[in-house]
Amino acid sequence: MRVEIDQSGRMEQLDTDTVLAFANGQHGLLIIKTTVKRRLIQYSKKKAYPTKELVPIVFAICVYLLVRNLSKYSVLEIDEEYSGYEELIRKSLKKLLDNKFEGQWEDSIRFVRIGKVSPAHLLCWSVHRMKRRPESYKKIAFEDIVKFL
């Protein structure tokens, strides 16, 4: 099963919420509030995490939280958001999925240009721009992310 994943409102933008969505016939949506992102930055400074690597790792954790209930045979096609950090995102996401599926995750994570007509892009963009009220979504708390760091 092929799943497209897109983001609206980048993780490092601390003045706007981040919306992450997947679509493939069914869909999933999660929202990371600005307050959570600010707390993550403060936490990373206290723990001396490298800030450049924190954002891609947090992105990978959020993708995991978005897709963790999908089949282990899913092919994840993630929109190219963080050029140069694809391998770090892939390793982090693969580690989380391997733990969940006890080492049986089919390594199928691709970085592609999703495009503006993708259902995943349309969903997260419309929710981020408040043009559409989400039917169901999950708000991500600070603790949800920190437990994976």
N, C-alpha and C. Protein backbone atom coordinates (compact mmCIF):
# COMPACT_ATOMS: atom_id res chain seq x y z
N MET A 1 0.84 -1.17 0.00
CA MET A 1 0.00 0.00 0.00
C MET A 1 0.90 1.24 0.00
N ARG A 2 0.69 2.14 -0.93
CA ARG A 2 1.46 3.37 -1.09
C ARG A 2 0.79 4.49 -0.30
N VAL A 3 1.56 5.20 0.51
CA VAL A 3 1.03 6.26 1.36
C VAL A 3 1.84 7.53 1.13
N GLU A 4 1.17 8.61 0.73
CA GLU A 4 1.83 9.89 0.55
C GLU A 4 1.74 10.68 1.85
N ILE A 5 2.84 11.33 2.22
CA ILE A 5 2.90 12.10 3.46
C ILE A 5 3.38 13.50 3.13
N ASP A 6 2.67 14.50 3.66
CA ASP A 6 3.04 15.88 3.42
C ASP A 6 2.90 16.68 4.71
N GLN A 7 3.54 17.84 4.72
CA GLN A 7 3.55 18.72 5.88
C GLN A 7 3.21 20.13 5.44
N SER A 8 2.48 20.84 6.28
CA SER A 8 2.22 22.25 6.03
C SER A 8 2.56 23.01 7.31
N GLY A 9 3.36 24.04 7.18
CA GLY A 9 3.87 24.74 8.35
C GLY A 9 5.07 23.99 8.88
N ARG A 10 6.24 24.39 8.50
CA ARG A 10 7.45 23.63 8.83
C ARG A 10 7.69 23.55 10.33
N MET A 11 8.39 22.51 10.75
CA MET A 11 8.67 22.28 12.17
C MET A 11 9.44 23.44 12.81
N GLU A 12 10.36 24.01 12.07
CA GLU A 12 11.19 25.06 12.64
C GLU A 12 10.51 26.43 12.69
N GLN A 13 9.34 26.56 12.08
CA GLN A 13 8.59 27.81 12.14
C GLN A 13 7.82 27.83 13.47
N LEU A 14 8.26 28.65 14.37
CA LEU A 14 7.69 28.67 15.71
C LEU A 14 6.50 29.62 15.84
N ASP A 15 6.07 30.23 14.74
CA ASP A 15 4.93 31.14 14.80
C ASP A 15 3.66 30.56 14.18
N THR A 16 3.72 29.31 13.77
CA THR A 16 2.56 28.66 13.18
C THR A 16 2.55 27.18 13.54
N ASP A 17 1.36 26.60 13.62
CA ASP A 17 1.23 25.17 13.89
C ASP A 17 1.73 24.38 12.69
N THR A 18 2.11 23.15 12.93
CA THR A 18 2.51 22.23 11.87
C THR A 18 1.43 21.18 11.71
N VAL A 19 1.04 20.93 10.47
CA VAL A 19 0.05 19.90 10.16
C VAL A 19 0.74 18.85 9.30
N LEU A 20 0.63 17.61 9.70
CA LEU A 20 1.19 16.48 8.97
C LEU A 20 0.03 15.58 8.56
N ALA A 21 0.02 15.15 7.30
CA ALA A 21 -1.09 14.32 6.83
C ALA A 21 -0.59 13.23 5.90
N PHE A 22 -1.34 12.12 5.90
CA PHE A 22 -1.09 11.09 4.90
C PHE A 22 -2.41 10.81 4.19
N ALA A 23 -2.30 10.32 2.98
CA ALA A 23 -3.48 9.98 2.21
C ALA A 23 -3.14 8.84 1.27
N ASN A 24 -4.10 7.95 1.11
CA ASN A 24 -3.97 6.84 0.17
C ASN A 24 -5.33 6.15 0.01
N GLY A 25 -6.38 6.91 -0.05
CA GLY A 25 -7.72 6.35 0.00
C GLY A 25 -8.30 6.58 1.38
N GLN A 26 -7.55 6.22 2.41
CA GLN A 26 -7.87 6.64 3.76
C GLN A 26 -6.91 7.79 4.10
N HIS A 27 -7.10 8.44 5.22
CA HIS A 27 -6.20 9.53 5.56
C HIS A 27 -6.00 9.63 7.07
N GLY A 28 -4.94 10.30 7.43
CA GLY A 28 -4.62 10.56 8.83
C GLY A 28 -4.05 11.95 8.94
N LEU A 29 -4.20 12.55 10.11
CA LEU A 29 -3.82 13.94 10.28
C LEU A 29 -3.35 14.14 11.71
N LEU A 30 -2.25 14.87 11.88
CA LEU A 30 -1.87 15.27 13.22
C LEU A 30 -1.40 16.71 13.20
N ILE A 31 -1.57 17.36 14.35
CA ILE A 31 -1.25 18.78 14.48
C ILE A 31 -0.28 18.96 15.64
N ILE A 32 0.79 19.71 15.37
CA ILE A 32 1.75 20.04 16.41
C ILE A 32 1.63 21.55 16.64
N LYS A 33 1.20 21.91 17.82
CA LYS A 33 0.98 23.32 18.16
C LYS A 33 2.31 24.03 18.34
N THR A 34 2.28 25.35 18.19
CA THR A 34 3.50 26.16 18.34
C THR A 34 4.08 26.05 19.75
N THR A 35 3.22 25.93 20.75
CA THR A 35 3.71 25.81 22.13
C THR A 35 4.53 24.54 22.32
N VAL A 36 4.13 23.46 21.68
CA VAL A 36 4.88 22.20 21.75
C VAL A 36 6.23 22.36 21.08
N LYS A 37 6.26 23.00 19.93
CA LYS A 37 7.52 23.19 19.21
C LYS A 37 8.48 24.07 20.01
N ARG A 38 7.97 25.10 20.65
CA ARG A 38 8.83 25.96 21.48
C ARG A 38 9.40 25.19 22.67
N ARG A 39 8.58 24.36 23.29
CA ARG A 39 9.06 23.55 24.43
C ARG A 39 10.14 22.58 23.97
N LEU A 40 9.99 22.03 22.76
CA LEU A 40 11.01 21.11 22.23
C LEU A 40 12.35 21.82 22.03
N ILE A 41 12.31 23.06 21.56
CA ILE A 41 13.54 23.83 21.37
C ILE A 41 14.20 24.09 22.72
N GLN A 42 13.41 24.48 23.71
CA GLN A 42 13.95 24.71 25.05
C GLN A 42 14.55 23.43 25.63
N TYR A 43 13.84 22.34 25.45
CA TYR A 43 14.30 21.03 25.94
C TYR A 43 15.62 20.65 25.28
N SER A 44 15.72 20.87 23.98
CA SER A 44 16.93 20.48 23.26
C SER A 44 18.12 21.31 23.71
N LYS A 45 17.90 22.57 24.04
CA LYS A 45 19.01 23.40 24.52
C LYS A 45 19.49 22.92 25.89
N LYS A 46 18.58 22.50 26.74
CA LYS A 46 18.96 21.98 28.06
C LYS A 46 19.72 20.67 27.94
N LYS A 47 19.31 19.82 27.00
CA LYS A 47 19.92 18.51 26.83
C LYS A 47 21.10 18.52 25.87
N ALA A 48 21.41 19.69 25.32
CA ALA A 48 22.54 19.87 24.39
C ALA A 48 22.41 19.04 23.11
N TYR A 49 21.18 18.91 22.61
CA TYR A 49 20.98 18.28 21.30
C TYR A 49 21.41 19.27 20.22
N PRO A 50 22.05 18.80 19.17
CA PRO A 50 22.38 19.71 18.07
C PRO A 50 21.09 20.19 17.39
N THR A 51 20.91 21.49 17.34
CA THR A 51 19.67 22.07 16.83
C THR A 51 19.43 21.72 15.37
N LYS A 52 20.48 21.66 14.57
CA LYS A 52 20.31 21.34 13.15
C LYS A 52 19.74 19.95 12.94
N GLU A 53 20.11 19.02 13.79
CA GLU A 53 19.63 17.66 13.66
C GLU A 53 18.31 17.44 14.38
N LEU A 54 17.96 18.31 15.31
CA LEU A 54 16.74 18.13 16.08
C LEU A 54 15.50 18.19 15.20
N VAL A 55 15.43 19.17 14.32
CA VAL A 55 14.23 19.34 13.49
C VAL A 55 13.96 18.13 12.61
N PRO A 56 14.94 17.60 11.87
CA PRO A 56 14.66 16.39 11.08
C PRO A 56 14.29 15.17 11.93
N ILE A 57 14.89 15.05 13.11
CA ILE A 57 14.57 13.92 13.97
C ILE A 57 13.15 14.06 14.51
N VAL A 58 12.76 15.26 14.92
CA VAL A 58 11.39 15.49 15.38
C VAL A 58 10.40 15.25 14.24
N PHE A 59 10.77 15.65 13.04
CA PHE A 59 9.93 15.38 11.87
C PHE A 59 9.74 13.87 11.70
N ALA A 60 10.82 13.10 11.81
CA ALA A 60 10.73 11.64 11.68
C ALA A 60 9.84 11.05 12.77
N ILE A 61 9.96 11.55 14.00
CA ILE A 61 9.11 11.07 15.10
C ILE A 61 7.65 11.36 14.80
N CYS A 62 7.36 12.54 14.29
CA CYS A 62 5.98 12.91 13.98
C CYS A 62 5.43 12.07 12.83
N VAL A 63 6.25 11.77 11.83
CA VAL A 63 5.82 10.88 10.75
C VAL A 63 5.50 9.51 11.33
N TYR A 64 6.34 9.04 12.23
CA TYR A 64 6.07 7.75 12.89
C TYR A 64 4.74 7.79 13.64
N LEU A 65 4.51 8.83 14.41
CA LEU A 65 3.25 8.95 15.15
C LEU A 65 2.05 8.99 14.21
N LEU A 66 2.26 9.52 13.03
CA LEU A 66 1.19 9.60 12.03
C LEU A 66 0.88 8.24 11.41
N VAL A 67 1.91 7.45 11.12
CA VAL A 67 1.71 6.22 10.34
C VAL A 67 1.84 4.93 11.14
N ARG A 68 2.03 5.02 12.44
CA ARG A 68 2.32 3.81 13.22
C ARG A 68 1.21 2.77 13.21
N ASN A 69 0.00 3.14 12.88
CA ASN A 69 -1.10 2.17 12.85
C ASN A 69 -1.34 1.59 11.46
N LEU A 70 -0.51 1.94 10.50
CA LEU A 70 -0.63 1.39 9.15
C LEU A 70 0.06 0.03 9.08
N SER A 71 -0.15 -0.65 7.99
CA SER A 71 0.45 -1.96 7.76
C SER A 71 1.97 -1.84 7.64
N LYS A 72 2.67 -2.90 8.04
CA LYS A 72 4.13 -2.91 7.91
C LYS A 72 4.58 -3.03 6.46
N TYR A 73 3.65 -3.27 5.57
CA TYR A 73 3.97 -3.37 4.15
C TYR A 73 3.71 -2.07 3.40
N SER A 74 3.44 -1.01 4.12
CA SER A 74 3.18 0.29 3.50
C SER A 74 4.46 0.87 2.90
N VAL A 75 4.31 1.50 1.75
CA VAL A 75 5.40 2.23 1.12
C VAL A 75 5.17 3.70 1.44
N LEU A 76 6.08 4.29 2.21
CA LEU A 76 5.93 5.67 2.62
C LEU A 76 6.63 6.59 1.62
N GLU A 77 5.86 7.48 1.03
CA GLU A 77 6.41 8.48 0.11
C GLU A 77 6.28 9.83 0.78
N ILE A 78 7.39 10.32 1.28
CA ILE A 78 7.42 11.55 2.07
C ILE A 78 7.85 12.70 1.17
N ASP A 79 7.12 13.80 1.25
CA ASP A 79 7.46 14.97 0.46
C ASP A 79 8.83 15.49 0.89
N GLU A 80 9.63 15.90 -0.08
CA GLU A 80 10.97 16.42 0.20
C GLU A 80 10.85 17.75 0.92
N GLU A 81 11.08 17.74 2.21
CA GLU A 81 10.97 18.94 3.02
C GLU A 81 12.34 19.39 3.53
N TYR A 82 13.20 18.43 3.85
CA TYR A 82 14.47 18.73 4.48
C TYR A 82 15.61 18.16 3.64
N SER A 83 15.96 18.88 2.60
CA SER A 83 17.03 18.45 1.70
C SER A 83 18.34 18.31 2.47
N GLY A 84 19.02 17.23 2.21
CA GLY A 84 20.28 16.96 2.88
C GLY A 84 20.13 16.15 4.17
N TYR A 85 18.91 16.03 4.66
CA TYR A 85 18.67 15.29 5.90
C TYR A 85 17.83 14.04 5.66
N GLU A 86 17.67 13.65 4.41
CA GLU A 86 16.84 12.49 4.10
C GLU A 86 17.34 11.22 4.79
N GLU A 87 18.66 11.04 4.79
CA GLU A 87 19.21 9.82 5.39
C GLU A 87 19.01 9.80 6.90
N LEU A 88 19.15 10.94 7.56
CA LEU A 88 18.91 11.03 9.00
C LEU A 88 17.43 10.75 9.32
N ILE A 89 16.54 11.29 8.52
CA ILE A 89 15.10 11.05 8.70
C ILE A 89 14.79 9.58 8.46
N ARG A 90 15.36 9.02 7.39
CA ARG A 90 15.12 7.61 7.06
C ARG A 90 15.61 6.69 8.19
N LYS A 91 16.81 6.92 8.70
CA LYS A 91 17.36 6.09 9.78
C LYS A 91 16.51 6.20 11.03
N SER A 92 16.11 7.42 11.40
CA SER A 92 15.30 7.63 12.61
C SER A 92 13.94 6.96 12.47
N LEU A 93 13.31 7.15 11.34
CA LEU A 93 11.99 6.57 11.10
C LEU A 93 12.06 5.05 11.03
N LYS A 94 13.08 4.54 10.35
CA LYS A 94 13.25 3.09 10.25
C LYS A 94 13.46 2.45 11.62
N LYS A 95 14.25 3.11 12.46
CA LYS A 95 14.49 2.59 13.81
C LYS A 95 13.19 2.51 14.60
N LEU A 96 12.37 3.54 14.53
CA LEU A 96 11.09 3.55 15.24
C LEU A 96 10.14 2.47 14.71
N LEU A 97 10.07 2.33 13.39
CA LEU A 97 9.19 1.33 12.79
C LEU A 97 9.69 -0.08 13.04
N ASP A 98 11.00 -0.28 13.01
CA ASP A 98 11.56 -1.60 13.34
C ASP A 98 11.22 -2.00 14.77
N ASN A 99 11.29 -1.05 15.69
CA ASN A 99 10.93 -1.34 17.08
C ASN A 99 9.47 -1.73 17.19
N LYS A 100 8.61 -1.01 16.49
CA LYS A 100 7.18 -1.30 16.57
C LYS A 100 6.85 -2.66 15.96
N PHE A 101 7.43 -2.96 14.81
CA PHE A 101 7.13 -4.21 14.11
C PHE A 101 8.14 -5.31 14.43
N GLU A 102 8.90 -5.15 15.49
CA GLU A 102 9.86 -6.15 15.96
C GLU A 102 10.82 -6.60 14.86
N GLY A 103 11.38 -5.63 14.17
CA GLY A 103 12.38 -5.92 13.15
C GLY A 103 11.85 -6.39 11.82
N GLN A 104 10.54 -6.40 11.64
CA GLN A 104 9.97 -6.90 10.39
C GLN A 104 9.42 -5.80 9.50
N TRP A 105 9.86 -4.57 9.71
CA TRP A 105 9.41 -3.47 8.86
C TRP A 105 10.07 -3.60 7.49
N GLU A 106 9.25 -3.55 6.46
CA GLU A 106 9.76 -3.57 5.09
C GLU A 106 10.33 -2.19 4.81
N ASP A 107 11.62 -2.11 4.58
CA ASP A 107 12.29 -0.82 4.39
C ASP A 107 11.82 -0.16 3.10
N SER A 108 10.77 0.61 3.19
CA SER A 108 10.22 1.25 2.00
C SER A 108 9.84 2.69 2.31
N ILE A 109 10.87 3.51 2.47
CA ILE A 109 10.69 4.93 2.72
C ILE A 109 11.34 5.68 1.57
N ARG A 110 10.55 6.48 0.88
CA ARG A 110 11.05 7.23 -0.27
C ARG A 110 10.80 8.72 -0.05
N PHE A 111 11.67 9.53 -0.60
CA PHE A 111 11.49 10.98 -0.57
C PHE A 111 11.22 11.44 -2.00
N VAL A 112 10.05 12.00 -2.21
CA VAL A 112 9.62 12.40 -3.55
C VAL A 112 8.97 13.77 -3.48
N ARG A 113 8.78 14.36 -4.63
CA ARG A 113 7.99 15.59 -4.74
C ARG A 113 6.53 15.17 -4.83
N ILE A 114 5.77 15.48 -3.79
CA ILE A 114 4.35 15.09 -3.74
C ILE A 114 3.52 15.91 -4.72
N GLY A 115 3.73 17.21 -4.75
CA GLY A 115 2.97 18.07 -5.66
C GLY A 115 1.73 18.65 -5.01
N LYS A 116 1.20 19.66 -5.63
CA LYS A 116 0.07 20.41 -5.07
C LYS A 116 -1.28 19.74 -5.27
N VAL A 117 -1.37 18.72 -6.11
CA VAL A 117 -2.66 18.06 -6.33
C VAL A 117 -2.78 16.75 -5.55
N SER A 118 -1.77 16.45 -4.77
CA SER A 118 -1.80 15.24 -3.95
C SER A 118 -2.88 15.36 -2.87
N PRO A 119 -3.61 14.29 -2.60
CA PRO A 119 -4.61 14.34 -1.51
C PRO A 119 -3.99 14.67 -0.16
N ALA A 120 -2.78 14.21 0.10
CA ALA A 120 -2.11 14.51 1.37
C ALA A 120 -1.80 16.00 1.46
N HIS A 121 -1.31 16.58 0.37
CA HIS A 121 -1.02 18.01 0.35
C HIS A 121 -2.29 18.84 0.52
N LEU A 122 -3.32 18.47 -0.21
CA LEU A 122 -4.57 19.22 -0.12
C LEU A 122 -5.17 19.16 1.28
N LEU A 123 -5.08 18.01 1.91
CA LEU A 123 -5.61 17.85 3.26
C LEU A 123 -4.85 18.70 4.27
N CYS A 124 -3.55 18.56 4.31
CA CYS A 124 -2.81 19.31 5.33
C CYS A 124 -2.80 20.80 5.03
N TRP A 125 -2.75 21.19 3.78
CA TRP A 125 -2.76 22.61 3.44
C TRP A 125 -4.09 23.25 3.82
N SER A 126 -5.20 22.57 3.51
CA SER A 126 -6.50 23.16 3.81
C SER A 126 -6.74 23.25 5.33
N VAL A 127 -6.26 22.29 6.09
CA VAL A 127 -6.40 22.35 7.55
C VAL A 127 -5.49 23.43 8.11
N HIS A 128 -4.27 23.51 7.61
CA HIS A 128 -3.32 24.52 8.09
C HIS A 128 -3.82 25.93 7.81
N ARG A 129 -4.41 26.12 6.68
CA ARG A 129 -4.93 27.44 6.31
C ARG A 129 -6.33 27.70 6.87
N MET A 130 -6.83 26.75 7.67
CA MET A 130 -8.13 26.86 8.33
C MET A 130 -9.30 26.95 7.35
N LYS A 131 -9.10 26.44 6.17
CA LYS A 131 -10.19 26.42 5.19
C LYS A 131 -11.06 25.20 5.39
N ARG A 132 -10.56 24.23 6.13
CA ARG A 132 -11.30 23.00 6.34
C ARG A 132 -11.16 22.56 7.79
N ARG A 133 -12.24 22.23 8.39
CA ARG A 133 -12.22 21.71 9.75
C ARG A 133 -11.95 20.21 9.68
N PRO A 134 -10.90 19.72 10.34
CA PRO A 134 -10.59 18.30 10.24
C PRO A 134 -11.67 17.44 10.90
N GLU A 135 -12.00 16.33 10.23
CA GLU A 135 -12.99 15.40 10.79
C GLU A 135 -12.41 14.72 12.02
N SER A 136 -11.22 14.19 11.88
CA SER A 136 -10.55 13.57 13.01
C SER A 136 -9.06 13.83 12.87
N TYR A 137 -8.46 14.12 13.97
CA TYR A 137 -7.03 14.38 13.98
C TYR A 137 -6.50 14.13 15.38
N LYS A 138 -5.19 14.12 15.48
CA LYS A 138 -4.55 13.92 16.78
C LYS A 138 -3.64 15.11 17.03
N LYS A 139 -3.81 15.72 18.19
CA LYS A 139 -2.89 16.76 18.62
C LYS A 139 -1.73 16.06 19.31
N ILE A 140 -0.53 16.43 18.93
CA ILE A 140 0.66 15.82 19.50
C ILE A 140 1.11 16.66 20.70
N ALA A 141 1.30 16.00 21.82
CA ALA A 141 1.77 16.66 23.03
C ALA A 141 3.30 16.60 23.08
N PHE A 142 3.87 17.46 23.87
CA PHE A 142 5.31 17.51 24.08
C PHE A 142 5.84 16.14 24.53
N GLU A 143 5.13 15.51 25.45
CA GLU A 143 5.55 14.21 26.00
C GLU A 143 5.54 13.11 24.94
N ASP A 144 4.62 13.20 23.96
CA ASP A 144 4.55 12.20 22.89
C ASP A 144 5.84 12.16 22.08
N ILE A 145 6.44 13.32 21.90
CA ILE A 145 7.66 13.42 21.09
C ILE A 145 8.90 13.12 21.93
N VAL A 146 8.96 13.70 23.12
CA VAL A 146 10.16 13.59 23.95
C VAL A 146 10.47 12.13 24.32
N LYS A 147 9.47 11.31 24.49
CA LYS A 147 9.75 9.92 24.87
C LYS A 147 10.50 9.14 23.80
N PHE A 148 10.54 9.66 22.56
CA PHE A 148 11.27 9.01 21.49
C PHE A 148 12.65 9.64 21.24
N LEU A 149 12.94 10.77 21.86
CA LEU A 149 14.24 11.44 21.65
C LEU A 149 15.36 10.71 22.38
